[in-house]
């Protein structure tokens, strides 16, 4: 009986010591790889939507020469684009799918988002999952960044990883 207890204790010790912990450096590499940092943040402009047209007017993108906005439409023109992008805006326009084109959507680049800090790494002893709290910030803001709230503030996020015995894998957050 005493031998069985020693063997069990040894197995627990070996398992505990063999468990791989996720370091901040590894978390940074994983976030970069799995979440695609640095990544381009975009905004979808619905060019036929009067609400989007008003928003672009409110943030002065027409006055600054990035868009032209048709301020009135005849009854037969409803649904046609109200917003068109100028030559000055072209460096900030992103490719769109045919589906986006059908519904009059143009994506514009807002800024680049990158991980700047790993705040904490906490393991859930029950599931073996590791929660990584990290901070991103935005750089290379474009004139269209006025469409995005809090572009000047760092953003705190959460990612969950699990080790499959060989490597860490990004898993879906349950909360």
N, C-alpha and C. Protein backbone atom coordinates (compact mmCIF):
# COMPACT_ATOMS: atom_id res chain seq x y z
N UNK A 1 0.82 -1.19 0.00
CA UNK A 1 0.00 0.00 0.00
C UNK A 1 0.87 1.26 0.00
N UNK A 2 1.94 1.21 0.82
CA UNK A 2 2.84 2.34 0.90
C UNK A 2 3.55 2.54 -0.45
N UNK A 3 3.88 1.46 -1.13
CA UNK A 3 4.54 1.54 -2.43
C UNK A 3 3.61 2.17 -3.46
N UNK A 4 2.33 1.81 -3.41
CA UNK A 4 1.36 2.38 -4.35
C UNK A 4 1.22 3.88 -4.14
N UNK A 5 1.21 4.29 -2.88
CA UNK A 5 1.11 5.71 -2.57
C UNK A 5 2.34 6.46 -3.07
N UNK A 6 3.53 5.85 -2.93
CA UNK A 6 4.76 6.49 -3.43
C UNK A 6 4.75 6.58 -4.95
N UNK A 7 4.26 5.53 -5.62
CA UNK A 7 4.20 5.54 -7.08
C UNK A 7 3.22 6.63 -7.53
N UNK A 8 2.07 6.73 -6.88
CA UNK A 8 1.08 7.75 -7.22
C UNK A 8 1.67 9.15 -7.01
N UNK A 9 2.35 9.35 -5.91
CA UNK A 9 2.98 10.62 -5.62
C UNK A 9 4.04 10.96 -6.68
N UNK A 10 4.82 9.98 -7.08
CA UNK A 10 5.85 10.16 -8.11
C UNK A 10 5.19 10.55 -9.44
N UNK A 11 4.10 9.87 -9.80
CA UNK A 11 3.40 10.18 -11.05
C UNK A 11 2.86 11.61 -11.05
N UNK A 12 2.28 12.01 -9.93
CA UNK A 12 1.77 13.38 -9.81
C UNK A 12 2.90 14.39 -9.93
N UNK A 13 4.03 14.10 -9.28
CA UNK A 13 5.19 14.98 -9.32
C UNK A 13 5.72 15.11 -10.75
N UNK A 14 5.87 13.99 -11.45
CA UNK A 14 6.39 14.00 -12.83
C UNK A 14 5.43 14.76 -13.74
N UNK A 15 4.13 14.52 -13.58
CA UNK A 15 3.14 15.22 -14.40
C UNK A 15 3.18 16.71 -14.13
N UNK A 16 3.24 17.10 -12.89
CA UNK A 16 3.26 18.52 -12.52
C UNK A 16 4.53 19.19 -13.03
N UNK A 17 5.65 18.51 -12.90
CA UNK A 17 6.92 19.11 -13.34
C UNK A 17 7.02 19.13 -14.86
N UNK A 18 6.37 18.20 -15.52
CA UNK A 18 6.44 18.13 -16.98
C UNK A 18 5.49 19.08 -17.67
N UNK A 19 4.58 19.70 -16.91
CA UNK A 19 3.60 20.60 -17.49
C UNK A 19 4.29 21.84 -18.02
N UNK A 20 4.02 22.18 -19.26
CA UNK A 20 4.65 23.33 -19.89
C UNK A 20 3.86 24.60 -19.59
N UNK A 21 4.54 25.59 -19.05
CA UNK A 21 3.91 26.87 -18.77
C UNK A 21 4.09 27.78 -19.98
N UNK A 22 3.10 28.62 -20.21
CA UNK A 22 3.14 29.60 -21.29
C UNK A 22 3.82 30.86 -20.78
N UNK A 23 4.89 31.25 -21.45
CA UNK A 23 5.61 32.46 -21.05
C UNK A 23 5.05 33.67 -21.80
N UNK A 24 5.41 34.85 -21.34
CA UNK A 24 4.95 36.07 -22.01
C UNK A 24 5.50 36.16 -23.44
N UNK A 25 6.74 35.75 -23.62
CA UNK A 25 7.32 35.77 -24.97
C UNK A 25 6.57 34.81 -25.90
N UNK A 26 6.27 33.60 -25.40
CA UNK A 26 5.53 32.62 -26.21
C UNK A 26 4.12 33.15 -26.51
N UNK A 27 3.49 33.78 -25.52
CA UNK A 27 2.15 34.33 -25.72
C UNK A 27 2.18 35.41 -26.80
N UNK A 28 3.21 36.23 -26.80
CA UNK A 28 3.34 37.29 -27.81
C UNK A 28 3.47 36.67 -29.21
N UNK A 29 4.29 35.64 -29.33
CA UNK A 29 4.47 34.96 -30.62
C UNK A 29 3.15 34.32 -31.07
N UNK A 30 2.46 33.65 -30.14
CA UNK A 30 1.19 33.00 -30.47
C UNK A 30 0.14 34.00 -30.91
N UNK A 31 0.03 35.10 -30.20
CA UNK A 31 -0.95 36.12 -30.58
C UNK A 31 -0.64 36.68 -31.96
N UNK A 32 0.63 36.91 -32.21
CA UNK A 32 1.04 37.43 -33.51
C UNK A 32 0.65 36.45 -34.61
N UNK A 33 0.91 35.17 -34.37
CA UNK A 33 0.64 34.14 -35.38
C UNK A 33 -0.86 33.83 -35.49
N UNK A 34 -1.50 33.54 -34.37
CA UNK A 34 -2.88 33.05 -34.38
C UNK A 34 -3.92 34.15 -34.61
N UNK A 35 -3.66 35.34 -34.14
CA UNK A 35 -4.63 36.43 -34.29
C UNK A 35 -4.23 37.41 -35.38
N UNK A 36 -3.07 37.18 -36.01
CA UNK A 36 -2.68 37.98 -37.15
C UNK A 36 -2.21 39.39 -36.86
N UNK A 37 -1.56 39.59 -35.73
CA UNK A 37 -1.00 40.91 -35.42
C UNK A 37 0.36 41.05 -36.08
N UNK A 38 0.75 42.22 -36.50
CA UNK A 38 -0.09 43.41 -36.58
C UNK A 38 -1.16 43.22 -37.67
N UNK A 39 -2.30 43.81 -37.45
CA UNK A 39 -3.38 43.65 -38.42
C UNK A 39 -3.99 45.00 -38.76
N UNK A 40 -4.54 45.04 -39.94
CA UNK A 40 -5.17 46.26 -40.42
C UNK A 40 -6.60 46.33 -39.90
N UNK A 41 -6.92 47.43 -39.27
CA UNK A 41 -8.30 47.66 -38.82
C UNK A 41 -9.01 48.40 -39.94
N UNK A 42 -10.24 47.95 -40.23
CA UNK A 42 -10.99 48.60 -41.30
C UNK A 42 -12.37 49.02 -40.82
N UNK A 43 -13.02 49.78 -41.65
CA UNK A 43 -14.37 50.25 -41.38
C UNK A 43 -15.16 50.07 -42.66
N UNK A 44 -16.37 49.54 -42.55
CA UNK A 44 -17.21 49.35 -43.73
C UNK A 44 -18.10 50.57 -43.92
N UNK A 45 -17.95 51.21 -45.06
CA UNK A 45 -18.78 52.36 -45.40
C UNK A 45 -19.85 51.86 -46.36
N UNK A 46 -21.11 52.00 -45.96
CA UNK A 46 -22.23 51.64 -46.82
C UNK A 46 -22.54 52.87 -47.67
N UNK A 47 -22.10 52.84 -48.91
CA UNK A 47 -22.12 54.04 -49.74
C UNK A 47 -23.53 54.48 -50.15
N UNK A 48 -24.53 53.62 -50.01
CA UNK A 48 -25.91 54.00 -50.35
C UNK A 48 -26.72 54.35 -49.11
N UNK A 49 -26.10 54.38 -47.95
CA UNK A 49 -26.81 54.60 -46.69
C UNK A 49 -26.73 56.08 -46.29
N UNK A 50 -27.86 56.74 -46.15
CA UNK A 50 -27.85 58.15 -45.75
C UNK A 50 -27.22 58.39 -44.37
N UNK A 51 -27.33 57.40 -43.49
CA UNK A 51 -26.74 57.54 -42.15
C UNK A 51 -25.22 57.60 -42.27
N UNK A 52 -24.64 56.75 -43.12
CA UNK A 52 -23.20 56.77 -43.33
C UNK A 52 -22.78 58.07 -44.01
N UNK A 53 -23.59 58.53 -44.95
CA UNK A 53 -23.28 59.79 -45.63
C UNK A 53 -23.24 60.94 -44.62
N UNK A 54 -24.22 60.98 -43.72
CA UNK A 54 -24.26 62.03 -42.70
C UNK A 54 -23.04 61.93 -41.79
N UNK A 55 -22.68 60.72 -41.42
CA UNK A 55 -21.53 60.54 -40.52
C UNK A 55 -20.25 61.05 -41.18
N UNK A 56 -20.06 60.75 -42.46
CA UNK A 56 -18.88 61.23 -43.18
C UNK A 56 -18.89 62.76 -43.27
N UNK A 57 -20.07 63.33 -43.44
CA UNK A 57 -20.17 64.80 -43.44
C UNK A 57 -19.82 65.36 -42.06
N UNK A 58 -20.35 64.72 -41.02
CA UNK A 58 -20.12 65.19 -39.64
C UNK A 58 -18.65 65.19 -39.24
N UNK A 59 -17.87 64.25 -39.78
CA UNK A 59 -16.44 64.19 -39.42
C UNK A 59 -15.56 64.90 -40.46
N UNK A 60 -16.21 65.66 -41.35
CA UNK A 60 -15.53 66.55 -42.31
C UNK A 60 -14.70 65.83 -43.37
N UNK A 61 -14.99 64.59 -43.67
CA UNK A 61 -14.20 63.90 -44.70
C UNK A 61 -14.49 64.45 -46.10
N UNK A 62 -15.66 65.02 -46.29
CA UNK A 62 -15.92 65.66 -47.59
C UNK A 62 -15.15 66.97 -47.69
N UNK A 63 -15.18 67.77 -46.63
CA UNK A 63 -14.45 69.05 -46.64
C UNK A 63 -12.95 68.83 -46.81
N UNK A 64 -12.44 67.72 -46.30
CA UNK A 64 -11.01 67.42 -46.43
C UNK A 64 -10.66 66.78 -47.77
N UNK A 65 -11.67 66.51 -48.60
CA UNK A 65 -11.42 66.04 -49.95
C UNK A 65 -11.28 64.53 -50.12
N UNK A 66 -11.75 63.73 -49.16
CA UNK A 66 -11.63 62.27 -49.27
C UNK A 66 -12.87 61.62 -49.86
N UNK A 67 -14.02 62.27 -49.72
CA UNK A 67 -15.27 61.72 -50.27
C UNK A 67 -16.07 62.84 -50.89
N UNK A 68 -16.96 62.44 -51.77
CA UNK A 68 -17.97 63.35 -52.32
C UNK A 68 -19.31 62.75 -51.94
N UNK A 69 -20.19 63.58 -51.43
CA UNK A 69 -21.48 63.08 -50.96
C UNK A 69 -22.60 63.78 -51.72
N UNK A 70 -23.45 62.95 -52.30
CA UNK A 70 -24.64 63.45 -52.99
C UNK A 70 -25.68 63.74 -51.90
N UNK A 71 -26.07 64.97 -51.78
CA UNK A 71 -26.91 65.36 -50.65
C UNK A 71 -28.40 65.18 -50.90
N UNK A 72 -28.78 65.02 -52.14
CA UNK A 72 -30.19 64.77 -52.45
C UNK A 72 -30.27 63.65 -53.49
N UNK A 73 -31.40 62.97 -53.48
CA UNK A 73 -31.66 61.92 -54.47
C UNK A 73 -33.09 62.04 -54.94
N UNK A 74 -33.29 61.72 -56.21
CA UNK A 74 -34.65 61.64 -56.74
C UNK A 74 -35.22 60.29 -56.35
N UNK A 75 -36.50 60.16 -56.40
CA UNK A 75 -37.18 58.94 -55.99
C UNK A 75 -36.62 57.71 -56.71
N UNK A 76 -36.35 57.81 -57.98
CA UNK A 76 -35.84 56.68 -58.77
C UNK A 76 -34.38 56.34 -58.47
N UNK A 77 -33.67 57.22 -57.76
CA UNK A 77 -32.25 56.99 -57.46
C UNK A 77 -32.03 56.35 -56.08
N UNK A 78 -33.10 56.18 -55.31
CA UNK A 78 -32.96 55.63 -53.97
C UNK A 78 -32.34 54.23 -54.06
N UNK A 79 -31.34 54.02 -53.23
CA UNK A 79 -30.60 52.75 -53.26
C UNK A 79 -29.28 52.87 -54.01
N UNK A 80 -29.14 53.92 -54.84
CA UNK A 80 -27.88 54.16 -55.52
C UNK A 80 -26.91 54.82 -54.54
N UNK A 81 -25.61 54.66 -54.77
CA UNK A 81 -24.63 55.24 -53.84
C UNK A 81 -24.76 56.75 -53.69
N UNK A 82 -24.65 57.19 -52.46
CA UNK A 82 -24.62 58.62 -52.12
C UNK A 82 -23.19 59.08 -51.92
N UNK A 83 -22.31 58.12 -51.62
CA UNK A 83 -20.93 58.42 -51.26
C UNK A 83 -20.01 57.90 -52.36
N UNK A 84 -19.10 58.75 -52.79
CA UNK A 84 -18.04 58.30 -53.70
C UNK A 84 -16.71 58.76 -53.11
N UNK A 85 -15.68 58.00 -53.40
CA UNK A 85 -14.35 58.27 -52.85
C UNK A 85 -13.51 58.96 -53.90
N UNK A 86 -12.73 59.94 -53.46
CA UNK A 86 -11.90 60.73 -54.37
C UNK A 86 -10.54 60.05 -54.56
N UNK A 87 -9.74 60.62 -55.45
CA UNK A 87 -8.37 60.14 -55.68
C UNK A 87 -7.56 60.20 -54.38
N UNK A 88 -7.81 61.23 -53.59
CA UNK A 88 -7.09 61.42 -52.33
C UNK A 88 -7.35 60.27 -51.36
N UNK A 89 -8.51 59.61 -51.47
CA UNK A 89 -8.88 58.51 -50.57
C UNK A 89 -8.34 57.16 -51.03
N UNK A 90 -7.95 57.06 -52.29
CA UNK A 90 -7.55 55.76 -52.85
C UNK A 90 -6.50 54.99 -52.05
N UNK A 91 -5.48 55.63 -51.47
CA UNK A 91 -4.50 54.86 -50.70
C UNK A 91 -5.09 54.16 -49.47
N UNK A 92 -6.29 54.55 -49.06
CA UNK A 92 -6.89 54.01 -47.84
C UNK A 92 -8.04 53.04 -48.12
N UNK A 93 -8.36 52.83 -49.39
CA UNK A 93 -9.43 51.91 -49.76
C UNK A 93 -8.90 50.49 -49.80
N UNK A 94 -9.67 49.57 -49.25
CA UNK A 94 -9.28 48.16 -49.22
C UNK A 94 -10.11 47.38 -50.24
N UNK A 95 -9.56 46.28 -50.72
CA UNK A 95 -10.33 45.47 -51.67
C UNK A 95 -11.63 44.96 -51.04
N UNK A 96 -12.66 44.86 -51.86
CA UNK A 96 -13.94 44.34 -51.38
C UNK A 96 -14.36 43.15 -52.22
N UNK A 97 -15.16 42.29 -51.63
CA UNK A 97 -15.67 41.11 -52.33
C UNK A 97 -16.81 41.51 -53.26
N UNK A 98 -17.18 40.63 -54.14
CA UNK A 98 -18.32 40.90 -55.03
C UNK A 98 -19.61 41.03 -54.22
N UNK A 99 -19.69 40.30 -53.11
CA UNK A 99 -20.86 40.42 -52.23
C UNK A 99 -20.94 41.82 -51.65
N UNK A 100 -19.79 42.36 -51.21
CA UNK A 100 -19.76 43.72 -50.68
C UNK A 100 -20.15 44.73 -51.75
N UNK A 101 -19.66 44.52 -52.95
CA UNK A 101 -20.00 45.42 -54.05
C UNK A 101 -21.50 45.44 -54.31
N UNK A 102 -22.13 44.28 -54.24
CA UNK A 102 -23.57 44.17 -54.50
C UNK A 102 -24.38 44.98 -53.50
N UNK A 103 -23.90 45.08 -52.27
CA UNK A 103 -24.64 45.83 -51.25
C UNK A 103 -24.01 47.20 -50.99
N UNK A 104 -23.21 47.66 -51.92
CA UNK A 104 -22.60 49.00 -51.88
C UNK A 104 -21.77 49.25 -50.63
N UNK A 105 -20.84 48.34 -50.36
CA UNK A 105 -19.94 48.49 -49.22
C UNK A 105 -18.53 48.73 -49.72
N UNK A 106 -17.87 49.71 -49.13
CA UNK A 106 -16.45 49.95 -49.40
C UNK A 106 -15.73 49.93 -48.06
N UNK A 107 -14.71 49.09 -47.95
CA UNK A 107 -13.92 49.04 -46.72
C UNK A 107 -12.79 50.06 -46.83
N UNK A 108 -12.58 50.78 -45.71
CA UNK A 108 -11.49 51.76 -45.66
C UNK A 108 -10.56 51.38 -44.51
N UNK A 109 -9.27 51.59 -44.72
CA UNK A 109 -8.28 51.30 -43.68
C UNK A 109 -8.34 52.40 -42.63
N UNK A 110 -8.40 51.96 -41.37
CA UNK A 110 -8.46 52.90 -40.24
C UNK A 110 -7.07 53.09 -39.64
N UNK A 111 -6.42 51.97 -39.31
CA UNK A 111 -5.10 52.00 -38.65
C UNK A 111 -4.57 50.58 -38.58
N UNK A 112 -3.37 50.44 -38.05
CA UNK A 112 -2.78 49.13 -37.78
C UNK A 112 -2.87 48.88 -36.29
N UNK A 113 -3.25 47.65 -35.93
CA UNK A 113 -3.35 47.28 -34.51
C UNK A 113 -2.25 46.27 -34.21
N UNK A 114 -1.57 46.46 -33.08
CA UNK A 114 -0.48 45.57 -32.70
C UNK A 114 -0.50 45.32 -31.20
N UNK A 115 0.00 44.15 -30.80
CA UNK A 115 0.11 43.81 -29.39
C UNK A 115 1.30 44.58 -28.81
N UNK A 116 1.07 45.26 -27.68
CA UNK A 116 2.15 46.02 -27.05
C UNK A 116 2.54 45.47 -25.69
N UNK A 117 1.65 44.68 -25.07
CA UNK A 117 1.97 44.19 -23.73
C UNK A 117 1.13 42.96 -23.40
N UNK A 118 1.76 42.00 -22.73
CA UNK A 118 1.05 40.88 -22.13
C UNK A 118 0.85 41.27 -20.67
N UNK A 119 -0.39 41.47 -20.25
CA UNK A 119 -0.67 41.91 -18.87
C UNK A 119 -0.59 40.75 -17.88
N UNK A 120 -1.21 39.62 -18.26
CA UNK A 120 -1.21 38.48 -17.33
C UNK A 120 -1.46 37.18 -18.09
N UNK A 121 -0.98 36.11 -17.47
CA UNK A 121 -1.21 34.75 -17.97
C UNK A 121 -1.69 33.94 -16.78
N UNK A 122 -2.94 33.47 -16.86
CA UNK A 122 -3.53 32.76 -15.73
C UNK A 122 -4.04 31.41 -16.21
N UNK A 123 -3.62 30.35 -15.51
CA UNK A 123 -4.04 29.00 -15.88
C UNK A 123 -5.27 28.60 -15.08
N UNK A 124 -6.22 27.98 -15.76
CA UNK A 124 -7.38 27.39 -15.11
C UNK A 124 -7.02 25.95 -14.79
N UNK A 125 -6.81 25.64 -13.51
CA UNK A 125 -6.36 24.31 -13.10
C UNK A 125 -7.35 23.21 -13.45
N UNK A 126 -8.62 23.55 -13.58
CA UNK A 126 -9.63 22.53 -13.89
C UNK A 126 -9.62 22.13 -15.36
N UNK A 127 -9.48 23.11 -16.26
CA UNK A 127 -9.55 22.82 -17.69
C UNK A 127 -8.18 22.74 -18.36
N UNK A 128 -7.18 23.29 -17.71
CA UNK A 128 -5.85 23.32 -18.31
C UNK A 128 -5.68 24.47 -19.29
N UNK A 129 -6.75 25.25 -19.49
CA UNK A 129 -6.68 26.39 -20.39
C UNK A 129 -5.91 27.53 -19.73
N UNK A 130 -5.31 28.36 -20.55
CA UNK A 130 -4.55 29.51 -20.07
C UNK A 130 -5.17 30.76 -20.67
N UNK A 131 -5.57 31.70 -19.80
CA UNK A 131 -6.11 32.97 -20.26
C UNK A 131 -4.99 34.00 -20.30
N UNK A 132 -4.87 34.63 -21.46
CA UNK A 132 -3.85 35.65 -21.66
C UNK A 132 -4.55 37.00 -21.84
N UNK A 133 -4.29 37.91 -20.92
CA UNK A 133 -4.79 39.28 -21.04
C UNK A 133 -3.67 40.10 -21.67
N UNK A 134 -4.04 40.80 -22.74
CA UNK A 134 -3.03 41.57 -23.45
C UNK A 134 -3.58 42.91 -23.90
N UNK A 135 -2.67 43.80 -24.26
CA UNK A 135 -3.03 45.16 -24.64
C UNK A 135 -2.56 45.41 -26.07
N UNK A 136 -3.44 46.03 -26.86
CA UNK A 136 -3.06 46.44 -28.21
C UNK A 136 -3.17 47.96 -28.30
N UNK A 137 -2.48 48.50 -29.30
CA UNK A 137 -2.65 49.92 -29.60
C UNK A 137 -2.73 50.09 -31.11
N UNK A 138 -3.07 51.28 -31.52
CA UNK A 138 -3.24 51.57 -32.94
C UNK A 138 -2.15 52.52 -33.41
N UNK A 139 -1.59 52.22 -34.57
CA UNK A 139 -0.58 53.08 -35.17
C UNK A 139 -0.96 53.32 -36.63
N UNK A 140 -0.27 54.23 -37.26
CA UNK A 140 -0.48 54.53 -38.68
C UNK A 140 -1.94 54.87 -38.98
N UNK A 141 -2.54 55.69 -38.13
CA UNK A 141 -3.94 56.07 -38.32
C UNK A 141 -4.10 56.83 -39.63
N UNK A 142 -5.18 56.54 -40.33
CA UNK A 142 -5.49 57.20 -41.60
C UNK A 142 -6.49 58.33 -41.33
N UNK A 143 -6.78 59.15 -42.33
CA UNK A 143 -7.80 60.19 -42.14
C UNK A 143 -9.18 59.59 -41.79
N UNK A 144 -9.41 58.32 -42.15
CA UNK A 144 -10.68 57.67 -41.86
C UNK A 144 -10.76 57.17 -40.41
N UNK A 145 -9.70 57.33 -39.65
CA UNK A 145 -9.71 56.89 -38.25
C UNK A 145 -10.73 57.67 -37.42
N UNK A 146 -11.19 58.81 -37.92
CA UNK A 146 -12.21 59.57 -37.19
C UNK A 146 -13.53 58.80 -37.12
N UNK A 147 -13.67 57.75 -37.92
CA UNK A 147 -14.87 56.93 -37.90
C UNK A 147 -14.85 55.86 -36.81
N UNK A 148 -13.71 55.70 -36.17
CA UNK A 148 -13.51 54.64 -35.19
C UNK A 148 -13.35 55.26 -33.81
N UNK A 149 -14.14 54.78 -32.85
CA UNK A 149 -14.07 55.33 -31.50
C UNK A 149 -12.83 54.83 -30.77
N UNK A 150 -12.28 55.68 -29.95
CA UNK A 150 -11.16 55.34 -29.06
C UNK A 150 -9.91 54.84 -29.77
N UNK A 151 -9.64 55.36 -30.93
CA UNK A 151 -8.45 54.94 -31.69
C UNK A 151 -7.17 55.33 -30.96
N UNK A 152 -7.25 56.34 -30.11
CA UNK A 152 -6.06 56.82 -29.41
C UNK A 152 -5.84 56.12 -28.08
N UNK A 153 -6.73 55.20 -27.70
CA UNK A 153 -6.61 54.51 -26.42
C UNK A 153 -6.21 53.06 -26.62
N UNK A 154 -5.32 52.55 -25.76
CA UNK A 154 -4.98 51.12 -25.82
C UNK A 154 -6.23 50.29 -25.52
N UNK A 155 -6.26 49.07 -26.05
CA UNK A 155 -7.40 48.18 -25.88
C UNK A 155 -6.93 46.92 -25.15
N UNK A 156 -7.63 46.54 -24.07
CA UNK A 156 -7.28 45.33 -23.33
C UNK A 156 -8.18 44.19 -23.81
N UNK A 157 -7.56 43.06 -24.17
CA UNK A 157 -8.26 41.92 -24.74
C UNK A 157 -7.89 40.64 -24.00
N UNK A 158 -8.61 39.57 -24.33
CA UNK A 158 -8.39 38.28 -23.70
C UNK A 158 -8.34 37.20 -24.77
N UNK A 159 -7.37 36.30 -24.65
CA UNK A 159 -7.29 35.13 -25.53
C UNK A 159 -7.08 33.91 -24.65
N UNK A 160 -7.62 32.78 -25.07
CA UNK A 160 -7.48 31.54 -24.30
C UNK A 160 -6.72 30.52 -25.14
N UNK A 161 -5.73 29.89 -24.51
CA UNK A 161 -4.91 28.88 -25.18
C UNK A 161 -4.96 27.59 -24.37
N UNK A 162 -4.77 26.48 -25.08
CA UNK A 162 -4.66 25.17 -24.44
C UNK A 162 -3.46 24.47 -25.04
N UNK A 163 -2.79 23.66 -24.24
CA UNK A 163 -1.65 22.90 -24.73
C UNK A 163 -2.12 21.49 -25.07
N UNK A 164 -1.86 21.07 -26.31
CA UNK A 164 -2.30 19.73 -26.73
C UNK A 164 -1.24 18.66 -26.44
N UNK A 165 -0.24 19.03 -25.66
CA UNK A 165 0.84 18.10 -25.34
C UNK A 165 2.10 18.43 -26.12
N UNK A 166 1.93 19.07 -27.26
CA UNK A 166 3.08 19.44 -28.09
C UNK A 166 3.20 20.94 -28.28
N UNK A 167 2.04 21.60 -28.45
CA UNK A 167 2.07 23.04 -28.73
C UNK A 167 0.83 23.71 -28.15
N UNK A 168 0.91 25.02 -28.05
CA UNK A 168 -0.22 25.81 -27.58
C UNK A 168 -1.15 26.10 -28.74
N UNK A 169 -2.46 26.01 -28.48
CA UNK A 169 -3.47 26.22 -29.51
C UNK A 169 -4.47 27.26 -29.00
N UNK A 170 -4.82 28.22 -29.86
CA UNK A 170 -5.84 29.21 -29.54
C UNK A 170 -7.19 28.52 -29.53
N UNK A 171 -7.97 28.72 -28.46
CA UNK A 171 -9.31 28.14 -28.37
C UNK A 171 -10.33 29.26 -28.25
N UNK A 172 -11.57 28.94 -28.51
CA UNK A 172 -12.64 29.93 -28.41
C UNK A 172 -12.85 30.33 -26.96
N UNK A 173 -13.11 31.60 -26.75
CA UNK A 173 -13.43 32.05 -25.40
C UNK A 173 -14.87 31.68 -25.08
N UNK A 174 -15.08 31.16 -23.88
CA UNK A 174 -16.41 30.75 -23.47
C UNK A 174 -17.16 31.94 -22.88
N UNK A 175 -16.47 32.83 -22.23
CA UNK A 175 -17.13 33.99 -21.62
C UNK A 175 -17.21 35.13 -22.57
